[in-house]
PDB file of all heavy atoms in Angstrom:
ATOM      1  N   GLY A   1    -195.822  43.607-202.842  1.00  0.00           N
ATOM      2  CA  GLY A   1    -195.960  44.327-204.076  1.00  0.00           C
ATOM      3  C   GLY A   1    -195.100  43.750-205.153  1.00  0.00           C
ATOM      4  O   GLY A   1    -194.566  42.542-204.924  1.00  0.00           O
ATOM      5  N   PRO A   2    -195.050  44.384-206.380  1.00  0.00           N
ATOM      6  CA  PRO A   2    -194.420  43.741-207.472  1.00  0.00           C
ATOM      7  C   PRO A   2    -192.849  43.377-207.022  1.00  0.00           C
ATOM      8  O   PRO A   2    -192.248  44.393-206.437  1.00  0.00           O
ATOM      9  CB  PRO A   2    -194.401  44.826-208.569  1.00  0.00           C
ATOM     10  CG  PRO A   2    -195.584  45.704-208.144  1.00  0.00           C
ATOM     11  CD  PRO A   2    -195.675  45.770-206.705  1.00  0.00           C
ATOM     12  N   PRO A   3    -192.251  42.471-207.614  1.00  0.00           N
ATOM     13  CA  PRO A   3    -190.950  42.035-207.299  1.00  0.00           C
ATOM     14  C   PRO A   3    -189.929  42.995-208.012  1.00  0.00           C
ATOM     15  O   PRO A   3    -190.343  43.654-209.010  1.00  0.00           O
ATOM     16  CB  PRO A   3    -190.901  40.674-207.760  1.00  0.00           C
ATOM     17  CG  PRO A   3    -191.802  40.534-208.774  1.00  0.00           C
ATOM     18  CD  PRO A   3    -192.967  41.346-208.414  1.00  0.00           C
ATOM     19  N   PRO A   4    -188.771  43.114-207.541  1.00  0.00           N
ATOM     20  CA  PRO A   4    -187.693  43.933-208.323  1.00  0.00           C
ATOM     21  C   PRO A   4    -187.557  43.304-209.809  1.00  0.00           C
ATOM     22  O   PRO A   4    -187.657  42.134-210.001  1.00  0.00           O
ATOM     23  CB  PRO A   4    -186.518  43.747-207.493  1.00  0.00           C
ATOM     24  CG  PRO A   4    -186.902  43.209-206.148  1.00  0.00           C
ATOM     25  CD  PRO A   4    -188.116  42.543-206.312  1.00  0.00           C
ATOM     26  N   ARG A   5    -187.328  44.157-210.679  1.00  0.00           N
ATOM     27  CA  ARG A   5    -187.022  43.737-212.053  1.00  0.00           C
ATOM     28  C   ARG A   5    -185.592  43.524-212.435  1.00  0.00           C
ATOM     29  O   ARG A   5    -185.276  42.835-213.390  1.00  0.00           O
ATOM     30  CB  ARG A   5    -187.637  44.801-213.038  1.00  0.00           C
ATOM     31  CG  ARG A   5    -189.115  44.915-213.054  1.00  0.00           C
ATOM     32  CD  ARG A   5    -189.656  46.116-213.762  1.00  0.00           C
ATOM     33  NE  ARG A   5    -189.092  47.348-213.149  1.00  0.00           N
ATOM     34  CZ  ARG A   5    -189.303  48.593-213.713  1.00  0.00           C
ATOM     35  NH1 ARG A   5    -189.987  48.622-214.840  1.00  0.00           N
ATOM     36  NH2 ARG A   5    -188.806  49.552-213.124  1.00  0.00           N
ATOM     37  N   THR A   6    -184.745  44.062-211.585  1.00  0.00           N
ATOM     38  CA  THR A   6    -183.306  43.917-211.753  1.00  0.00           C
ATOM     39  C   THR A   6    -182.593  43.592-210.386  1.00  0.00           C
ATOM     40  O   THR A   6    -183.185  43.917-209.304  1.00  0.00           O
ATOM     41  CB  THR A   6    -182.656  45.221-212.332  1.00  0.00           C
ATOM     42  OG1 THR A   6    -182.744  46.227-211.459  1.00  0.00           O
ATOM     43  CG2 THR A   6    -183.389  45.551-213.671  1.00  0.00           C
ATOM     44  N   ILE A   7    -181.357  43.128-210.460  1.00  0.00           N
ATOM     45  CA  ILE A   7    -180.634  42.976-209.145  1.00  0.00           C
ATOM     46  C   ILE A   7    -180.293  44.283-208.441  1.00  0.00           C
ATOM     47  O   ILE A   7    -180.391  44.378-207.363  1.00  0.00           O
ATOM     48  CB  ILE A   7    -179.392  42.084-209.454  1.00  0.00           C
ATOM     49  CG1 ILE A   7    -179.635  40.747-209.939  1.00  0.00           C
ATOM     50  CG2 ILE A   7    -178.485  41.982-208.281  1.00  0.00           C
ATOM     51  CD1 ILE A   7    -180.591  39.879-208.914  1.00  0.00           C
ATOM     52  N   GLY A   8    -180.090  45.246-209.300  1.00  0.00           N
ATOM     53  CA  GLY A   8    -179.831  46.539-208.774  1.00  0.00           C
ATOM     54  C   GLY A   8    -181.091  46.984-207.882  1.00  0.00           C
ATOM     55  O   GLY A   8    -181.064  47.595-206.800  1.00  0.00           O
ATOM     56  N   GLU A   9    -182.230  46.822-208.378  1.00  0.00           N
ATOM     57  CA  GLU A   9    -183.534  47.182-207.689  1.00  0.00           C
ATOM     58  C   GLU A   9    -183.535  46.324-206.321  1.00  0.00           C
ATOM     59  O   GLU A   9    -183.953  46.899-205.302  1.00  0.00           O
ATOM     60  CB  GLU A   9    -184.716  46.994-208.480  1.00  0.00           C
ATOM     61  CG  GLU A   9    -184.807  48.077-209.680  1.00  0.00           C
ATOM     62  CD  GLU A   9    -186.232  47.894-210.398  1.00  0.00           C
ATOM     63  OE1 GLU A   9    -187.148  46.990-209.878  1.00  0.00           O
ATOM     64  OE2 GLU A   9    -186.386  48.368-211.481  1.00  0.00           O
ATOM     65  N   PHE A  10    -183.310  45.134-206.558  1.00  0.00           N
ATOM     66  CA  PHE A  10    -183.258  44.212-205.375  1.00  0.00           C
ATOM     67  C   PHE A  10    -182.427  44.691-204.264  1.00  0.00           C
ATOM     68  O   PHE A  10    -182.670  44.665-203.046  1.00  0.00           O
ATOM     69  CB  PHE A  10    -183.001  42.796-205.689  1.00  0.00           C
ATOM     70  CG  PHE A  10    -182.920  41.743-204.694  1.00  0.00           C
ATOM     71  CD1 PHE A  10    -184.004  41.703-203.638  1.00  0.00           C
ATOM     72  CD2 PHE A  10    -181.801  41.011-204.500  1.00  0.00           C
ATOM     73  CE1 PHE A  10    -183.903  40.775-202.557  1.00  0.00           C
ATOM     74  CE2 PHE A  10    -181.749  40.082-203.439  1.00  0.00           C
ATOM     75  CZ  PHE A  10    -182.695  39.915-202.530  1.00  0.00           C
ATOM     76  N   ALA A  11    -181.137  45.086-204.727  1.00  0.00           N
ATOM     77  CA  ALA A  11    -180.162  45.434-203.678  1.00  0.00           C
ATOM     78  C   ALA A  11    -180.572  46.692-202.965  1.00  0.00           C
ATOM     79  O   ALA A  11    -180.311  46.895-201.881  1.00  0.00           O
ATOM     80  CB  ALA A  11    -178.766  45.871-204.494  1.00  0.00           C
ATOM     81  N   GLY A  12    -181.300  47.624-203.637  1.00  0.00           N
ATOM     82  CA  GLY A  12    -181.701  48.862-203.008  1.00  0.00           C
ATOM     83  C   GLY A  12    -183.154  48.848-202.403  1.00  0.00           C
ATOM     84  O   GLY A  12    -183.654  49.832-201.750  1.00  0.00           O
ATOM     85  N   GLN A  13    -183.822  47.542-202.360  1.00  0.00           N
ATOM     86  CA  GLN A  13    -185.116  47.422-201.906  1.00  0.00           C
ATOM     87  C   GLN A  13    -185.073  47.646-200.381  1.00  0.00           C
ATOM     88  O   GLN A  13    -184.291  46.994-199.626  1.00  0.00           O
ATOM     89  CB  GLN A  13    -185.732  46.069-202.363  1.00  0.00           C
ATOM     90  CG  GLN A  13    -187.096  45.868-201.880  1.00  0.00           C
ATOM     91  CD  GLN A  13    -188.193  46.281-202.846  1.00  0.00           C
ATOM     92  OE1 GLN A  13    -187.852  46.497-204.005  1.00  0.00           O
ATOM     93  NE2 GLN A  13    -189.329  46.593-202.404  1.00  0.00           N
ATOM     94  N   ALA A  14    -186.020  48.415-199.860  1.00  0.00           N
ATOM     95  CA  ALA A  14    -186.185  48.475-198.341  1.00  0.00           C
ATOM     96  C   ALA A  14    -187.242  47.501-197.831  1.00  0.00           C
ATOM     97  O   ALA A  14    -188.453  47.711-198.095  1.00  0.00           O
ATOM     98  CB  ALA A  14    -186.552  49.839-197.948  1.00  0.00           C
ATOM     99  N   TYR A  15    -186.857  46.366-197.183  1.00  0.00           N
ATOM    100  CA  TYR A  15    -187.928  45.356-196.727  1.00  0.00           C
ATOM    101  C   TYR A  15    -188.268  45.627-195.354  1.00  0.00           C
ATOM    102  O   TYR A  15    -187.455  46.234-194.552  1.00  0.00           O
ATOM    103  CB  TYR A  15    -187.244  43.940-196.882  1.00  0.00           C
ATOM    104  CG  TYR A  15    -187.196  43.544-198.214  1.00  0.00           C
ATOM    105  CD1 TYR A  15    -185.960  43.371-199.023  1.00  0.00           C
ATOM    106  CD2 TYR A  15    -188.354  43.310-199.012  1.00  0.00           C
ATOM    107  CE1 TYR A  15    -185.901  42.950-200.263  1.00  0.00           C
ATOM    108  CE2 TYR A  15    -188.181  42.833-200.346  1.00  0.00           C
ATOM    109  CZ  TYR A  15    -187.069  42.616-200.914  1.00  0.00           C
ATOM    110  OH  TYR A  15    -186.970  42.279-202.294  1.00  0.00           O
ATOM    111  N   PRO A  16    -189.460  45.217-194.855  1.00  0.00           N
ATOM    112  CA  PRO A  16    -189.797  45.497-193.537  1.00  0.00           C
ATOM    113  C   PRO A  16    -188.747  44.851-192.537  1.00  0.00           C
ATOM    114  O   PRO A  16    -188.226  43.800-192.706  1.00  0.00           O
ATOM    115  CB  PRO A  16    -191.137  44.546-193.453  1.00  0.00           C
ATOM    116  CG  PRO A  16    -191.672  44.582-194.835  1.00  0.00           C
ATOM    117  CD  PRO A  16    -190.389  44.483-195.689  1.00  0.00           C
ATOM    118  N   ALA A  17    -188.662  45.513-191.478  1.00  0.00           N
ATOM    119  CA  ALA A  17    -187.654  45.117-190.350  1.00  0.00           C
ATOM    120  C   ALA A  17    -188.102  43.970-189.529  1.00  0.00           C
ATOM    121  O   ALA A  17    -187.473  43.224-189.015  1.00  0.00           O
ATOM    122  CB  ALA A  17    -187.218  46.275-189.653  1.00  0.00           C
ATOM    123  N   SER A  18    -189.494  43.913-189.365  1.00  0.00           N
ATOM    124  CA  SER A  18    -190.220  42.957-188.530  1.00  0.00           C
ATOM    125  C   SER A  18    -191.530  42.560-189.022  1.00  0.00           C
ATOM    126  O   SER A  18    -192.048  43.231-189.959  1.00  0.00           O
ATOM    127  CB  SER A  18    -190.280  43.404-187.054  1.00  0.00           C
ATOM    128  OG  SER A  18    -191.282  44.469-187.128  1.00  0.00           O
ATOM    129  N   LYS A  19    -192.058  41.628-188.365  1.00  0.00           N
ATOM    130  CA  LYS A  19    -193.455  40.924-188.805  1.00  0.00           C
ATOM    131  C   LYS A  19    -194.433  42.127-188.620  1.00  0.00           C
ATOM    132  O   LYS A  19    -195.348  42.191-189.320  1.00  0.00           O
ATOM    133  CB  LYS A  19    -193.763  39.778-188.086  1.00  0.00           C
ATOM    134  CG  LYS A  19    -194.064  40.072-186.448  1.00  0.00           C
ATOM    135  CD  LYS A  19    -194.535  38.757-185.812  1.00  0.00           C
ATOM    136  CE  LYS A  19    -194.819  39.129-184.335  1.00  0.00           C
ATOM    137  NZ  LYS A  19    -195.303  37.826-183.663  1.00  0.00           N
ATOM    138  N   ASP A  20    -194.258  43.055-187.653  1.00  0.00           N
ATOM    139  CA  ASP A  20    -195.238  44.105-187.458  1.00  0.00           C
ATOM    140  C   ASP A  20    -195.398  45.122-188.591  1.00  0.00           C
ATOM    141  O   ASP A  20    -196.361  45.776-188.604  1.00  0.00           O
ATOM    142  CB  ASP A  20    -194.848  44.858-186.136  1.00  0.00           C
ATOM    143  CG  ASP A  20    -194.914  43.919-184.899  1.00  0.00           C
ATOM    144  OD1 ASP A  20    -195.648  42.960-184.978  1.00  0.00           O
ATOM    145  OD2 ASP A  20    -194.226  44.300-183.908  1.00  0.00           O
ATOM    146  N   ASP A  21    -194.429  45.123-189.441  1.00  0.00           N
ATOM    147  CA  ASP A  21    -194.418  45.953-190.670  1.00  0.00           C
ATOM    148  C   ASP A  21    -195.084  45.404-191.866  1.00  0.00           C
ATOM    149  O   ASP A  21    -195.303  46.067-192.717  1.00  0.00           O
ATOM    150  CB  ASP A  21    -192.972  46.492-190.960  1.00  0.00           C
ATOM    151  CG  ASP A  21    -192.319  47.148-189.792  1.00  0.00           C
ATOM    152  OD1 ASP A  21    -193.052  47.930-189.099  1.00  0.00           O
ATOM    153  OD2 ASP A  21    -191.116  46.994-189.498  1.00  0.00           O
ATOM    154  N   LEU A  22    -195.438  44.041-191.701  1.00  0.00           N
ATOM    155  CA  LEU A  22    -196.079  43.392-192.729  1.00  0.00           C
ATOM    156  C   LEU A  22    -197.569  43.743-192.910  1.00  0.00           C
ATOM    157  O   LEU A  22    -198.199  43.833-191.727  1.00  0.00           O
ATOM    158  CB  LEU A  22    -195.799  41.955-192.767  1.00  0.00           C
ATOM    159  CG  LEU A  22    -194.440  41.395-192.940  1.00  0.00           C
ATOM    160  CD1 LEU A  22    -194.367  39.909-192.559  1.00  0.00           C
ATOM    161  CD2 LEU A  22    -193.977  41.620-194.294  1.00  0.00           C
ATOM    162  N   ALA A  23    -197.997  43.942-193.992  1.00  0.00           N
ATOM    163  CA  ALA A  23    -199.470  44.245-194.247  1.00  0.00           C
ATOM    164  C   ALA A  23    -200.400  42.865-194.156  1.00  0.00           C
ATOM    165  O   ALA A  23    -200.946  42.475-195.160  1.00  0.00           O
ATOM    166  CB  ALA A  23    -199.768  44.925-195.507  1.00  0.00           C
ATOM    167  N   LEU A  24    -200.251  42.222-192.988  1.00  0.00           N
ATOM    168  CA  LEU A  24    -200.811  40.799-193.003  1.00  0.00           C
ATOM    169  C   LEU A  24    -201.697  40.802-191.593  1.00  0.00           C
ATOM    170  O   LEU A  24    -201.353  41.513-190.711  1.00  0.00           O
ATOM    171  CB  LEU A  24    -199.754  39.713-192.947  1.00  0.00           C
ATOM    172  CG  LEU A  24    -198.814  39.651-194.223  1.00  0.00           C
ATOM    173  CD1 LEU A  24    -197.826  38.711-194.021  1.00  0.00           C
ATOM    174  CD2 LEU A  24    -199.738  39.232-195.534  1.00  0.00           C
ATOM    175  N   GLU A  25    -202.593  39.781-191.612  1.00  0.00           N
ATOM    176  CA  GLU A  25    -203.287  39.650-190.289  1.00  0.00           C
ATOM    177  C   GLU A  25    -202.324  38.966-189.359  1.00  0.00           C
ATOM    178  O   GLU A  25    -201.277  38.286-189.817  1.00  0.00           O
ATOM    179  CB  GLU A  25    -204.339  38.591-190.568  1.00  0.00           C
ATOM    180  CG  GLU A  25    -205.570  39.116-191.467  1.00  0.00           C
ATOM    181  CD  GLU A  25    -206.215  40.329-190.824  1.00  0.00           C
ATOM    182  OE1 GLU A  25    -206.295  40.220-189.600  1.00  0.00           O
ATOM    183  OE2 GLU A  25    -206.570  41.232-191.578  1.00  0.00           O
ATOM    184  N   PRO A  26    -202.512  38.928-188.056  1.00  0.00           N
ATOM    185  CA  PRO A  26    -201.584  38.474-187.053  1.00  0.00           C
ATOM    186  C   PRO A  26    -201.179  37.029-187.204  1.00  0.00           C
ATOM    187  O   PRO A  26    -199.966  36.590-187.125  1.00  0.00           O
ATOM    188  CB  PRO A  26    -202.158  38.700-185.691  1.00  0.00           C
ATOM    189  CG  PRO A  26    -203.064  39.962-185.968  1.00  0.00           C
ATOM    190  CD  PRO A  26    -203.535  39.769-187.399  1.00  0.00           C
ATOM    191  N   ALA A  27    -202.133  36.226-187.522  1.00  0.00           N
ATOM    192  CA  ALA A  27    -201.775  34.790-187.764  1.00  0.00           C
ATOM    193  C   ALA A  27    -200.913  34.574-189.066  1.00  0.00           C
ATOM    194  O   ALA A  27    -200.043  33.819-188.891  1.00  0.00           O
ATOM    195  CB  ALA A  27    -203.126  33.808-187.973  1.00  0.00           C
ATOM    196  N   GLU A  28    -201.207  35.309-190.120  1.00  0.00           N
ATOM    197  CA  GLU A  28    -200.352  35.191-191.117  1.00  0.00           C
ATOM    198  C   GLU A  28    -198.900  35.749-190.936  1.00  0.00           C
ATOM    199  O   GLU A  28    -197.857  35.262-191.374  1.00  0.00           O
ATOM    200  CB  GLU A  28    -200.927  36.113-192.279  1.00  0.00           C
ATOM    201  CG  GLU A  28    -202.039  35.246-192.982  1.00  0.00           C
ATOM    202  CD  GLU A  28    -201.646  34.211-193.833  1.00  0.00           C
ATOM    203  OE1 GLU A  28    -201.131  34.317-194.927  1.00  0.00           O
ATOM    204  OE2 GLU A  28    -201.748  32.927-193.346  1.00  0.00           O
ATOM    205  N   GLN A  29    -198.823  36.840-190.047  1.00  0.00           N
ATOM    206  CA  GLN A  29    -197.548  37.349-189.801  1.00  0.00           C
ATOM    207  C   GLN A  29    -196.692  36.348-189.032  1.00  0.00           C
ATOM    208  O   GLN A  29    -195.519  36.070-189.403  1.00  0.00           O
ATOM    209  CB  GLN A  29    -197.776  38.509-188.685  1.00  0.00           C
ATOM    210  CG  GLN A  29    -198.258  39.751-189.481  1.00  0.00           C
ATOM    211  CD  GLN A  29    -198.429  40.947-188.437  1.00  0.00           C
ATOM    212  OE1 GLN A  29    -198.360  40.667-187.273  1.00  0.00           O
ATOM    213  NE2 GLN A  29    -198.743  42.177-188.876  1.00  0.00           N
TER     214      GLN A  29
END
């Protein structure tokens, strides 16, 4: 999705913990 607009937003961003949480096909993961 859209990237953070500020460093504060980046610091608080919750990123996927593993490849299984990515909205991608298995090969892309």
